[in-house]
Amino acid sequence: MSYVAHPRLTVVERVCWAVIVVISLSLCISAIVVGHQKWNEKPMIVSFSPKPVPVWKLPFPAITICPQTRIDVMKFNLTEVYLRARANRTLSADE
């Protein structure tokens, strides 16, 4: 609050700081209220299994790796190959 009480600030600057602080506080309070309401409606309960489970029996989430390199569409058009394969049309040896 030292910015609002600083002696060199004009009235406009003080009002702007006060408005920014009030808006920030109201947004924070509203986010807390919304989060609390969601938790009241659908609380998340975390529990642990009483018996140990081997690692290989745990379901593994899917992982998608997206390369940064782009494929030249003129050399290989994956959409066209997919649509041909889906329509049961024959694919060439290159495809």
PDB file of N, CA and C in Angstrom:
ATOM      1  N   MET A   1       0.822  -1.195   0.000  1.00  0.00           N
ATOM      2  CA  MET A   1       0.000   0.000   0.000  1.00  0.00           C
ATOM      3  C   MET A   1       0.864   1.256   0.000  1.00  0.00           C
ATOM      4  N   SER A   2       2.186   1.116   0.002  1.00  0.00           N
ATOM      5  CA  SER A   2       3.037   2.303   0.009  1.00  0.00           C
ATOM      6  C   SER A   2       2.896   3.079  -1.301  1.00  0.00           C
ATOM      7  N   TYR A   3       2.495   2.382  -2.390  1.00  0.00           N
ATOM      8  CA  TYR A   3       2.304   3.081  -3.659  1.00  0.00           C
ATOM      9  C   TYR A   3       1.123   4.037  -3.573  1.00  0.00           C
ATOM     10  N   VAL A   4       0.091   3.659  -2.872  1.00  0.00           N
ATOM     11  CA  VAL A   4      -1.090   4.514  -2.770  1.00  0.00           C
ATOM     12  C   VAL A   4      -0.834   5.673  -1.824  1.00  0.00           C
ATOM     13  N   ALA A   5      -0.037   5.446  -0.779  1.00  0.00           N
ATOM     14  CA  ALA A   5       0.195   6.485   0.228  1.00  0.00           C
ATOM     15  C   ALA A   5       1.425   7.342  -0.076  1.00  0.00           C
ATOM     16  N   HIS A   6       2.104   7.095  -1.181  1.00  0.00           N
ATOM     17  CA  HIS A   6       3.309   7.867  -1.514  1.00  0.00           C
ATOM     18  C   HIS A   6       2.932   9.324  -1.739  1.00  0.00           C
ATOM     19  N   PRO A   7       3.698  10.271  -1.160  1.00  0.00           N
ATOM     20  CA  PRO A   7       3.317  11.688  -1.257  1.00  0.00           C
ATOM     21  C   PRO A   7       3.406  12.271  -2.671  1.00  0.00           C
ATOM     22  N   ARG A   8       4.209  11.697  -3.543  1.00  0.00           N
ATOM     23  CA  ARG A   8       4.362  12.269  -4.881  1.00  0.00           C
ATOM     24  C   ARG A   8       3.302  11.787  -5.874  1.00  0.00           C
ATOM     25  N   LEU A   9       2.468  10.852  -5.507  1.00  0.00           N
ATOM     26  CA  LEU A   9       1.457  10.337  -6.420  1.00  0.00           C
ATOM     27  C   LEU A   9       0.292  11.309  -6.547  1.00  0.00           C
ATOM     28  N   THR A  10      -0.217  11.396  -7.768  1.00  0.00           N
ATOM     29  CA  THR A  10      -1.390  12.240  -7.983  1.00  0.00           C
ATOM     30  C   THR A  10      -2.637  11.460  -7.587  1.00  0.00           C
ATOM     31  N   VAL A  11      -3.748  12.160  -7.561  1.00  0.00           N
ATOM     32  CA  VAL A  11      -5.017  11.532  -7.196  1.00  0.00           C
ATOM     33  C   VAL A  11      -5.390  10.469  -8.220  1.00  0.00           C
ATOM     34  N   VAL A  12      -5.136  10.726  -9.500  1.00  0.00           N
ATOM     35  CA  VAL A  12      -5.454   9.771 -10.561  1.00  0.00           C
ATOM     36  C   VAL A  12      -4.646   8.482 -10.371  1.00  0.00           C
ATOM     37  N   GLU A  13      -3.359   8.616 -10.059  1.00  0.00           N
ATOM     38  CA  GLU A  13      -2.524   7.440  -9.837  1.00  0.00           C
ATOM     39  C   GLU A  13      -2.989   6.638  -8.624  1.00  0.00           C
ATOM     40  N   ARG A  14      -3.379   7.327  -7.568  1.00  0.00           N
ATOM     41  CA  ARG A  14      -3.876   6.639  -6.375  1.00  0.00           C
ATOM     42  C   ARG A  14      -5.170   5.897  -6.671  1.00  0.00           C
ATOM     43  N   VAL A  15      -6.045   6.530  -7.437  1.00  0.00           N
ATOM     44  CA  VAL A  15      -7.309   5.881  -7.785  1.00  0.00           C
ATOM     45  C   VAL A  15      -7.044   4.665  -8.667  1.00  0.00           C
ATOM     46  N   CYS A  16      -6.128   4.786  -9.621  1.00  0.00           N
ATOM     47  CA  CYS A  16      -5.792   3.646 -10.485  1.00  0.00           C
ATOM     48  C   CYS A  16      -5.239   2.491  -9.658  1.00  0.00           C
ATOM     49  N   TRP A  17      -4.316   2.782  -8.735  1.00  0.00           N
ATOM     50  CA  TRP A  17      -3.779   1.728  -7.873  1.00  0.00           C
ATOM     51  C   TRP A  17      -4.884   1.094  -7.040  1.00  0.00           C
ATOM     52  N   ALA A  18      -5.755   1.909  -6.487  1.00  0.00           N
ATOM     53  CA  ALA A  18      -6.842   1.377  -5.658  1.00  0.00           C
ATOM     54  C   ALA A  18      -7.770   0.495  -6.486  1.00  0.00           C
ATOM     55  N   VAL A  19      -8.088   0.925  -7.710  1.00  0.00           N
ATOM     56  CA  VAL A  19      -8.956   0.132  -8.584  1.00  0.00           C
ATOM     57  C   VAL A  19      -8.287  -1.190  -8.936  1.00  0.00           C
ATOM     58  N   ILE A  20      -7.005  -1.161  -9.258  1.00  0.00           N
ATOM     59  CA  ILE A  20      -6.279  -2.383  -9.595  1.00  0.00           C
ATOM     60  C   ILE A  20      -6.260  -3.347  -8.413  1.00  0.00           C
ATOM     61  N   VAL A  21      -6.034  -2.824  -7.210  1.00  0.00           N
ATOM     62  CA  VAL A  21      -6.002  -3.673  -6.018  1.00  0.00           C
ATOM     63  C   VAL A  21      -7.377  -4.281  -5.758  1.00  0.00           C
ATOM     64  N   VAL A  22      -8.428  -3.477  -5.886  1.00  0.00           N
ATOM     65  CA  VAL A  22      -9.782  -3.977  -5.643  1.00  0.00           C
ATOM     66  C   VAL A  22     -10.163  -5.027  -6.681  1.00  0.00           C
ATOM     67  N   ILE A  23      -9.848  -4.787  -7.951  1.00  0.00           N
ATOM     68  CA  ILE A  23     -10.147  -5.772  -9.003  1.00  0.00           C
ATOM     69  C   ILE A  23      -9.382  -7.066  -8.759  1.00  0.00           C
ATOM     70  N   SER A  24      -8.102  -6.968  -8.393  1.00  0.00           N
ATOM     71  CA  SER A  24      -7.296  -8.157  -8.128  1.00  0.00           C
ATOM     72  C   SER A  24      -7.861  -8.957  -6.961  1.00  0.00           C
ATOM     73  N   LEU A  25      -8.202  -8.270  -5.890  1.00  0.00           N
ATOM     74  CA  LEU A  25      -8.768  -8.969  -4.738  1.00  0.00           C
ATOM     75  C   LEU A  25     -10.101  -9.625  -5.080  1.00  0.00           C
ATOM     76  N   SER A  26     -10.941  -8.936  -5.835  1.00  0.00           N
ATOM     77  CA  SER A  26     -12.239  -9.514  -6.175  1.00  0.00           C
ATOM     78  C   SER A  26     -12.072 -10.727  -7.086  1.00  0.00           C
ATOM     79  N   LEU A  27     -11.132 -10.687  -8.033  1.00  0.00           N
ATOM     80  CA  LEU A  27     -10.877 -11.854  -8.884  1.00  0.00           C
ATOM     81  C   LEU A  27     -10.339 -13.029  -8.071  1.00  0.00           C
ATOM     82  N   CYS A  28      -9.453 -12.756  -7.123  1.00  0.00           N
ATOM     83  CA  CYS A  28      -8.923 -13.828  -6.279  1.00  0.00           C
ATOM     84  C   CYS A  28     -10.024 -14.436  -5.417  1.00  0.00           C
ATOM     85  N   ILE A  29     -10.848 -13.605  -4.830  1.00  0.00           N
ATOM     86  CA  ILE A  29     -11.936 -14.105  -3.990  1.00  0.00           C
ATOM     87  C   ILE A  29     -12.930 -14.903  -4.820  1.00  0.00           C
ATOM     88  N   SER A  30     -13.248 -14.418  -6.017  1.00  0.00           N
ATOM     89  CA  SER A  30     -14.198 -15.163  -6.851  1.00  0.00           C
ATOM     90  C   SER A  30     -13.609 -16.506  -7.286  1.00  0.00           C
ATOM     91  N   ALA A  31     -12.312 -16.567  -7.559  1.00  0.00           N
ATOM     92  CA  ALA A  31     -11.678 -17.840  -7.919  1.00  0.00           C
ATOM     93  C   ALA A  31     -11.721 -18.813  -6.742  1.00  0.00           C
ATOM     94  N   ILE A  32     -11.516 -18.313  -5.546  1.00  0.00           N
ATOM     95  CA  ILE A  32     -11.584 -19.158  -4.359  1.00  0.00           C
ATOM     96  C   ILE A  32     -13.001 -19.678  -4.162  1.00  0.00           C
ATOM     97  N   VAL A  33     -13.992 -18.804  -4.334  1.00  0.00           N
ATOM     98  CA  VAL A  33     -15.388 -19.215  -4.156  1.00  0.00           C
ATOM     99  C   VAL A  33     -15.775 -20.271  -5.194  1.00  0.00           C
ATOM    100  N   VAL A  34     -15.396 -20.057  -6.449  1.00  0.00           N
ATOM    101  CA  VAL A  34     -15.713 -21.031  -7.503  1.00  0.00           C
ATOM    102  C   VAL A  34     -15.032 -22.369  -7.216  1.00  0.00           C
ATOM    103  N   GLY A  35     -13.785 -22.333  -6.818  1.00  0.00           N
ATOM    104  CA  GLY A  35     -13.079 -23.571  -6.482  1.00  0.00           C
ATOM    105  C   GLY A  35     -13.713 -24.291  -5.305  1.00  0.00           C
ATOM    106  N   HIS A  36     -14.143 -23.540  -4.315  1.00  0.00           N
ATOM    107  CA  HIS A  36     -14.789 -24.140  -3.149  1.00  0.00           C
ATOM    108  C   HIS A  36     -16.143 -24.751  -3.524  1.00  0.00           C
ATOM    109  N   GLN A  37     -16.881 -24.078  -4.385  1.00  0.00           N
ATOM    110  CA  GLN A  37     -18.167 -24.619  -4.831  1.00  0.00           C
ATOM    111  C   GLN A  37     -17.964 -25.917  -5.621  1.00  0.00           C
ATOM    112  N   LYS A  38     -16.959 -25.952  -6.498  1.00  0.00           N
ATOM    113  CA  LYS A  38     -16.670 -27.176  -7.249  1.00  0.00           C
ATOM    114  C   LYS A  38     -16.288 -28.311  -6.299  1.00  0.00           C
ATOM    115  N   TRP A  39     -15.502 -27.993  -5.272  1.00  0.00           N
ATOM    116  CA  TRP A  39     -15.080 -29.017  -4.340  1.00  0.00           C
ATOM    117  C   TRP A  39     -16.275 -29.510  -3.519  1.00  0.00           C
ATOM    118  N   ASN A  40     -17.201 -28.609  -3.168  1.00  0.00           N
ATOM    119  CA  ASN A  40     -18.398 -29.018  -2.437  1.00  0.00           C
ATOM    120  C   ASN A  40     -19.278 -29.933  -3.279  1.00  0.00           C
ATOM    121  N   GLU A  41     -19.398 -29.631  -4.583  1.00  0.00           N
ATOM    122  CA  GLU A  41     -20.247 -30.428  -5.459  1.00  0.00           C
ATOM    123  C   GLU A  41     -19.621 -31.778  -5.788  1.00  0.00           C
ATOM    124  N   LYS A  42     -18.354 -31.788  -6.107  1.00  0.00           N
ATOM    125  CA  LYS A  42     -17.658 -33.020  -6.488  1.00  0.00           C
ATOM    126  C   LYS A  42     -16.311 -33.083  -5.771  1.00  0.00           C
ATOM    127  N   PRO A  43     -16.303 -33.499  -4.522  1.00  0.00           N
ATOM    128  CA  PRO A  43     -15.019 -33.547  -3.809  1.00  0.00           C
ATOM    129  C   PRO A  43     -14.119 -34.654  -4.359  1.00  0.00           C
ATOM    130  N   MET A  44     -12.852 -34.382  -4.370  1.00  0.00           N
ATOM    131  CA  MET A  44     -11.883 -35.362  -4.835  1.00  0.00           C
ATOM    132  C   MET A  44     -11.341 -36.097  -3.618  1.00  0.00           C
ATOM    133  N   ILE A  45     -11.502 -37.404  -3.629  1.00  0.00           N
ATOM    134  CA  ILE A  45     -11.043 -38.220  -2.513  1.00  0.00           C
ATOM    135  C   ILE A  45      -9.864 -39.049  -3.008  1.00  0.00           C
ATOM    136  N   VAL A  46      -8.759 -38.918  -2.320  1.00  0.00           N
ATOM    137  CA  VAL A  46      -7.560 -39.673  -2.672  1.00  0.00           C
ATOM    138  C   VAL A  46      -7.405 -40.785  -1.646  1.00  0.00           C
ATOM    139  N   SER A  47      -7.273 -41.996  -2.144  1.00  0.00           N
ATOM    140  CA  SER A  47      -7.071 -43.123  -1.236  1.00  0.00           C
ATOM    141  C   SER A  47      -5.971 -44.017  -1.783  1.00  0.00           C
ATOM    142  N   PHE A  48      -5.388 -44.769  -0.894  1.00  0.00           N
ATOM    143  CA  PHE A  48      -4.317 -45.671  -1.271  1.00  0.00           C
ATOM    144  C   PHE A  48      -4.770 -47.104  -1.025  1.00  0.00           C
ATOM    145  N   SER A  49      -4.334 -47.993  -1.889  1.00  0.00           N
ATOM    146  CA  SER A  49      -4.698 -49.400  -1.765  1.00  0.00           C
ATOM    147  C   SER A  49      -3.984 -49.999  -0.550  1.00  0.00           C
ATOM    148  N   PRO A  50      -4.705 -50.783   0.252  1.00  0.00           N
ATOM    149  CA  PRO A  50      -4.052 -51.372   1.426  1.00  0.00           C
ATOM    150  C   PRO A  50      -3.072 -52.479   1.070  1.00  0.00           C
ATOM    151  N   LYS A  51      -3.244 -53.100  -0.109  1.00  0.00           N
ATOM    152  CA  LYS A  51      -2.312 -54.162  -0.495  1.00  0.00           C
ATOM    153  C   LYS A  51      -1.391 -53.657  -1.601  1.00  0.00           C
ATOM    154  N   PRO A  52      -0.141 -54.068  -1.597  1.00  0.00           N
ATOM    155  CA  PRO A  52       0.798 -53.616  -2.636  1.00  0.00           C
ATOM    156  C   PRO A  52       0.448 -54.208  -4.000  1.00  0.00           C
ATOM    157  N   VAL A  53       0.652 -53.418  -5.026  1.00  0.00           N
ATOM    158  CA  VAL A  53       0.389 -53.832  -6.402  1.00  0.00           C
ATOM    159  C   VAL A  53       1.699 -53.725  -7.176  1.00  0.00           C
ATOM    160  N   PRO A  54       2.062 -54.767  -7.935  1.00  0.00           N
ATOM    161  CA  PRO A  54       3.296 -54.674  -8.719  1.00  0.00           C
ATOM    162  C   PRO A  54       3.195 -53.574  -9.790  1.00  0.00           C
ATOM    163  N   VAL A  55       4.321 -53.024 -10.148  1.00  0.00           N
ATOM    164  CA  VAL A  55       4.359 -51.922 -11.111  1.00  0.00           C
ATOM    165  C   VAL A  55       3.799 -52.352 -12.458  1.00  0.00           C
ATOM    166  N   TRP A  56       4.069 -53.582 -12.883  1.00  0.00           N
ATOM    167  CA  TRP A  56       3.609 -54.032 -14.203  1.00  0.00           C
ATOM    168  C   TRP A  56       2.096 -54.214 -14.280  1.00  0.00           C
ATOM    169  N   LYS A  57       1.388 -54.167 -13.160  1.00  0.00           N
ATOM    170  CA  LYS A  57      -0.064 -54.274 -13.184  1.00  0.00           C
ATOM    171  C   LYS A  57      -0.750 -52.907 -13.152  1.00  0.00           C
ATOM    172  N   LEU A  58       0.024 -51.851 -13.007  1.00  0.00           N
ATOM    173  CA  LEU A  58      -0.544 -50.508 -13.025  1.00  0.00           C
ATOM    174  C   LEU A  58      -0.799 -50.082 -14.467  1.00  0.00           C
ATOM    175  N   PRO A  59      -1.939 -49.454 -14.747  1.00  0.00           N
ATOM    176  CA  PRO A  59      -2.182 -48.991 -16.120  1.00  0.00           C
ATOM    177  C   PRO A  59      -1.237 -47.843 -16.463  1.00  0.00           C
ATOM    178  N   PHE A  60      -0.654 -47.934 -17.626  1.00  0.00           N
ATOM    179  CA  PHE A  60       0.295 -46.914 -18.069  1.00  0.00           C
ATOM    180  C   PHE A  60      -0.419 -45.908 -18.954  1.00  0.00           C
ATOM    181  N   PRO A  61      -0.278 -44.619 -18.676  1.00  0.00           N
ATOM    182  CA  PRO A  61      -0.962 -43.625 -19.516  1.00  0.00           C
ATOM    183  C   PRO A  61      -0.355 -43.553 -20.913  1.00  0.00           C
ATOM    184  N   ALA A  62      -1.179 -43.171 -21.861  1.00  0.00           N
ATOM    185  CA  ALA A  62      -0.714 -43.037 -23.239  1.00  0.00           C
ATOM    186  C   ALA A  62       0.217 -41.832 -23.353  1.00  0.00           C
ATOM    187  N   ILE A  63       1.230 -41.985 -24.155  1.00  0.00           N
ATOM    188  CA  ILE A  63       2.185 -40.901 -24.373  1.00  0.00           C
ATOM    189  C   ILE A  63       2.225 -40.612 -25.867  1.00  0.00           C
ATOM    190  N   THR A  64       2.099 -39.354 -26.215  1.00  0.00           N
ATOM    191  CA  THR A  64       2.187 -38.938 -27.610  1.00  0.00           C
ATOM    192  C   THR A  64       3.400 -38.042 -27.754  1.00  0.00           C
ATOM    193  N   ILE A  65       4.267 -38.384 -28.662  1.00  0.00           N
ATOM    194  CA  ILE A  65       5.455 -37.574 -28.911  1.00  0.00           C
ATOM    195  C   ILE A  65       5.269 -36.884 -30.252  1.00  0.00           C
ATOM    196  N   CYS A  66       5.284 -35.582 -30.227  1.00  0.00           N
ATOM    197  CA  CYS A  66       5.101 -34.792 -31.448  1.00  0.00           C
ATOM    198  C   CYS A  66       6.457 -34.239 -31.874  1.00  0.00           C
ATOM    199  N   PRO A  67       6.977 -34.693 -33.001  1.00  0.00           N
ATOM    200  CA  PRO A  67       8.270 -34.169 -33.447  1.00  0.00           C
ATOM    201  C   PRO A  67       8.139 -32.721 -33.922  1.00  0.00           C
ATOM    202  N   GLN A  68       9.218 -31.991 -33.801  1.00  0.00           N
ATOM    203  CA  GLN A  68       9.219 -30.598 -34.215  1.00  0.00           C
ATOM    204  C   GLN A  68       9.414 -30.440 -35.722  1.00  0.00           C
ATOM    205  N   THR A  69       9.898 -31.490 -36.384  1.00  0.00           N
ATOM    206  CA  THR A  69      10.118 -31.396 -37.830  1.00  0.00           C
ATOM    207  C   THR A  69       8.797 -31.578 -38.564  1.00  0.00           C
ATOM    208  N   ARG A  70       8.660 -30.893 -39.653  1.00  0.00           N
ATOM    209  CA  ARG A  70       7.444 -30.973 -40.462  1.00  0.00           C
ATOM    210  C   ARG A  70       7.663 -31.921 -41.636  1.00  0.00           C
ATOM    211  N   ILE A  71       6.598 -32.615 -42.018  1.00  0.00           N
ATOM    212  CA  ILE A  71       6.664 -33.516 -43.169  1.00  0.00           C
ATOM    213  C   ILE A  71       6.256 -32.738 -44.410  1.00  0.00           C
ATOM    214  N   ASP A  72       7.019 -32.889 -45.474  1.00  0.00           N
ATOM    215  CA  ASP A  72       6.703 -32.226 -46.729  1.00  0.00           C
ATOM    216  C   ASP A  72       5.493 -32.919 -47.350  1.00  0.00           C
ATOM    217  N   VAL A  73       4.387 -32.208 -47.495  1.00  0.00           N
ATOM    218  CA  VAL A  73       3.138 -32.782 -48.002  1.00  0.00           C
ATOM    219  C   VAL A  73       3.295 -33.220 -49.455  1.00  0.00           C
ATOM    220  N   MET A  74       4.169 -32.583 -50.188  1.00  0.00           N
ATOM    221  CA  MET A  74       4.363 -32.964 -51.585  1.00  0.00           C
ATOM    222  C   MET A  74       5.041 -34.341 -51.682  1.00  0.00           C
ATOM    223  N   LYS A  75       5.849 -34.703 -50.697  1.00  0.00           N
ATOM    224  CA  LYS A  75       6.525 -36.003 -50.721  1.00  0.00           C
ATOM    225  C   LYS A  75       5.657 -37.094 -50.110  1.00  0.00           C
ATOM    226  N   PHE A  76       4.928 -36.763 -49.029  1.00  0.00           N
ATOM    227  CA  PHE A  76       4.104 -37.769 -48.359  1.00  0.00           C
ATOM    228  C   PHE A  76       2.898 -37.084 -47.740  1.00  0.00           C
ATOM    229  N   ASN A  77       1.715 -37.443 -48.237  1.00  0.00           N
ATOM    230  CA  ASN A  77       0.479 -36.877 -47.728  1.00  0.00           C
ATOM    231  C   ASN A  77      -0.223 -37.949 -46.893  1.00  0.00           C
ATOM    232  N   LEU A  78      -0.067 -37.865 -45.597  1.00  0.00           N
ATOM    233  CA  LEU A  78      -0.604 -38.872 -44.701  1.00  0.00           C
ATOM    234  C   LEU A  78      -2.125 -38.920 -44.743  1.00  0.00           C
ATOM    235  N   THR A  79      -2.767 -37.787 -44.888  1.00  0.00           N
ATOM    236  CA  THR A  79      -4.229 -37.762 -44.939  1.00  0.00           C
ATOM    237  C   THR A  79      -4.738 -38.537 -46.157  1.00  0.00           C
ATOM    238  N   GLU A  80      -4.109 -38.327 -47.283  1.00  0.00           N
ATOM    239  CA  GLU A  80      -4.520 -39.027 -48.504  1.00  0.00           C
ATOM    240  C   GLU A  80      -4.319 -40.534 -48.372  1.00  0.00           C
ATOM    241  N   VAL A  81      -3.195 -40.946 -47.820  1.00  0.00           N
ATOM    242  CA  VAL A  81      -2.932 -42.374 -47.629  1.00  0.00           C
ATOM    243  C   VAL A  81      -3.941 -42.965 -46.664  1.00  0.00           C
ATOM    244  N   TYR A  82      -4.245 -42.256 -45.602  1.00  0.00           N
ATOM    245  CA  TYR A  82      -5.218 -42.738 -44.617  1.00  0.00           C
ATOM    246  C   TYR A  82      -6.599 -42.896 -45.247  1.00  0.00           C
ATOM    247  N   LEU A  83      -7.007 -41.897 -46.013  1.00  0.00           N
ATOM    248  CA  LEU A  83      -8.327 -41.973 -46.638  1.00  0.00           C
ATOM    249  C   LEU A  83      -8.407 -43.102 -47.659  1.00  0.00           C
ATOM    250  N   ARG A  84      -7.328 -43.335 -48.406  1.00  0.00           N
ATOM    251  CA  ARG A  84      -7.319 -44.449 -49.356  1.00  0.00           C
ATOM    252  C   ARG A  84      -7.391 -45.789 -48.625  1.00  0.00           C
ATOM    253  N   ALA A  85      -6.630 -45.923 -47.576  1.00  0.00           N
ATOM    254  CA  ALA A  85      -6.637 -47.172 -46.812  1.00  0.00           C
ATOM    255  C   ALA A  85      -7.998 -47.387 -46.158  1.00  0.00           C
ATOM    256  N   ARG A  86      -8.611 -46.345 -45.716  1.00  0.00           N
ATOM    257  CA  ARG A  86      -9.930 -46.458 -45.082  1.00  0.00           C
ATOM    258  C   ARG A  86     -11.007 -46.841 -46.096  1.00  0.00           C
ATOM    259  N   ALA A  87     -10.858 -46.370 -47.323  1.00  0.00           N
ATOM    260  CA  ALA A  87     -11.828 -46.677 -48.374  1.00  0.00           C
ATOM    261  C   ALA A  87     -11.508 -48.010 -49.052  1.00  0.00           C
ATOM    262  N   ASN A  88     -10.526 -48.751 -48.528  1.00  0.00           N
ATOM    263  CA  ASN A  88     -10.094 -50.042 -49.069  1.00  0.00           C
ATOM    264  C   ASN A  88      -9.583 -49.940 -50.502  1.00  0.00           C
ATOM    265  N   ARG A  89      -9.039 -48.803 -50.856  1.00  0.00           N
ATOM    266  CA  ARG A  89      -8.404 -48.672 -52.159  1.00  0.00           C
ATOM    267  C   ARG A  89      -6.969 -49.145 -52.034  1.00  0.00           C
ATOM    268  N   THR A  90      -6.444 -49.673 -53.089  1.00  0.00           N
ATOM    269  CA  THR A  90      -5.068 -50.187 -53.039  1.00  0.00           C
ATOM    270  C   THR A  90      -4.093 -49.038 -52.925  1.00  0.00           C
ATOM    271  N   LEU A  91      -3.053 -49.318 -52.190  1.00  0.00           N
ATOM    272  CA  LEU A  91      -1.989 -48.343 -52.023  1.00  0.00           C
ATOM    273  C   LEU A  91      -0.822 -48.732 -52.907  1.00  0.00           C
ATOM    274  N   SER A  92      -0.100 -47.743 -53.370  1.00  0.00           N
ATOM    275  CA  SER A  92       1.071 -48.041 -54.200  1.00  0.00           C
ATOM    276  C   SER A  92       2.203 -48.521 -53.316  1.00  0.00           C
ATOM    277  N   ALA A  93       3.252 -49.009 -53.934  1.00  0.00           N
ATOM    278  CA  ALA A  93       4.398 -49.526 -53.175  1.00  0.00           C
ATOM    279  C   ALA A  93       5.091 -48.413 -52.381  1.00  0.00           C
ATOM    280  N   ASP A  94       5.041 -47.191 -52.904  1.00  0.00           N
ATOM    281  CA  ASP A  94       5.664 -46.064 -52.221  1.00  0.00           C
ATOM    282  C   ASP A  94       4.894 -45.675 -50.961  1.00  0.00           C
ATOM    283  N   GLU A  95       3.581 -45.926 -51.009  1.00  0.00           N
ATOM    284  CA  GLU A  95       2.767 -45.521 -49.869  1.00  0.00           C
ATOM    285  C   GLU A  95       2.841 -46.576 -48.785  1.00  0.00           C
TER     286      GLU A  95
END
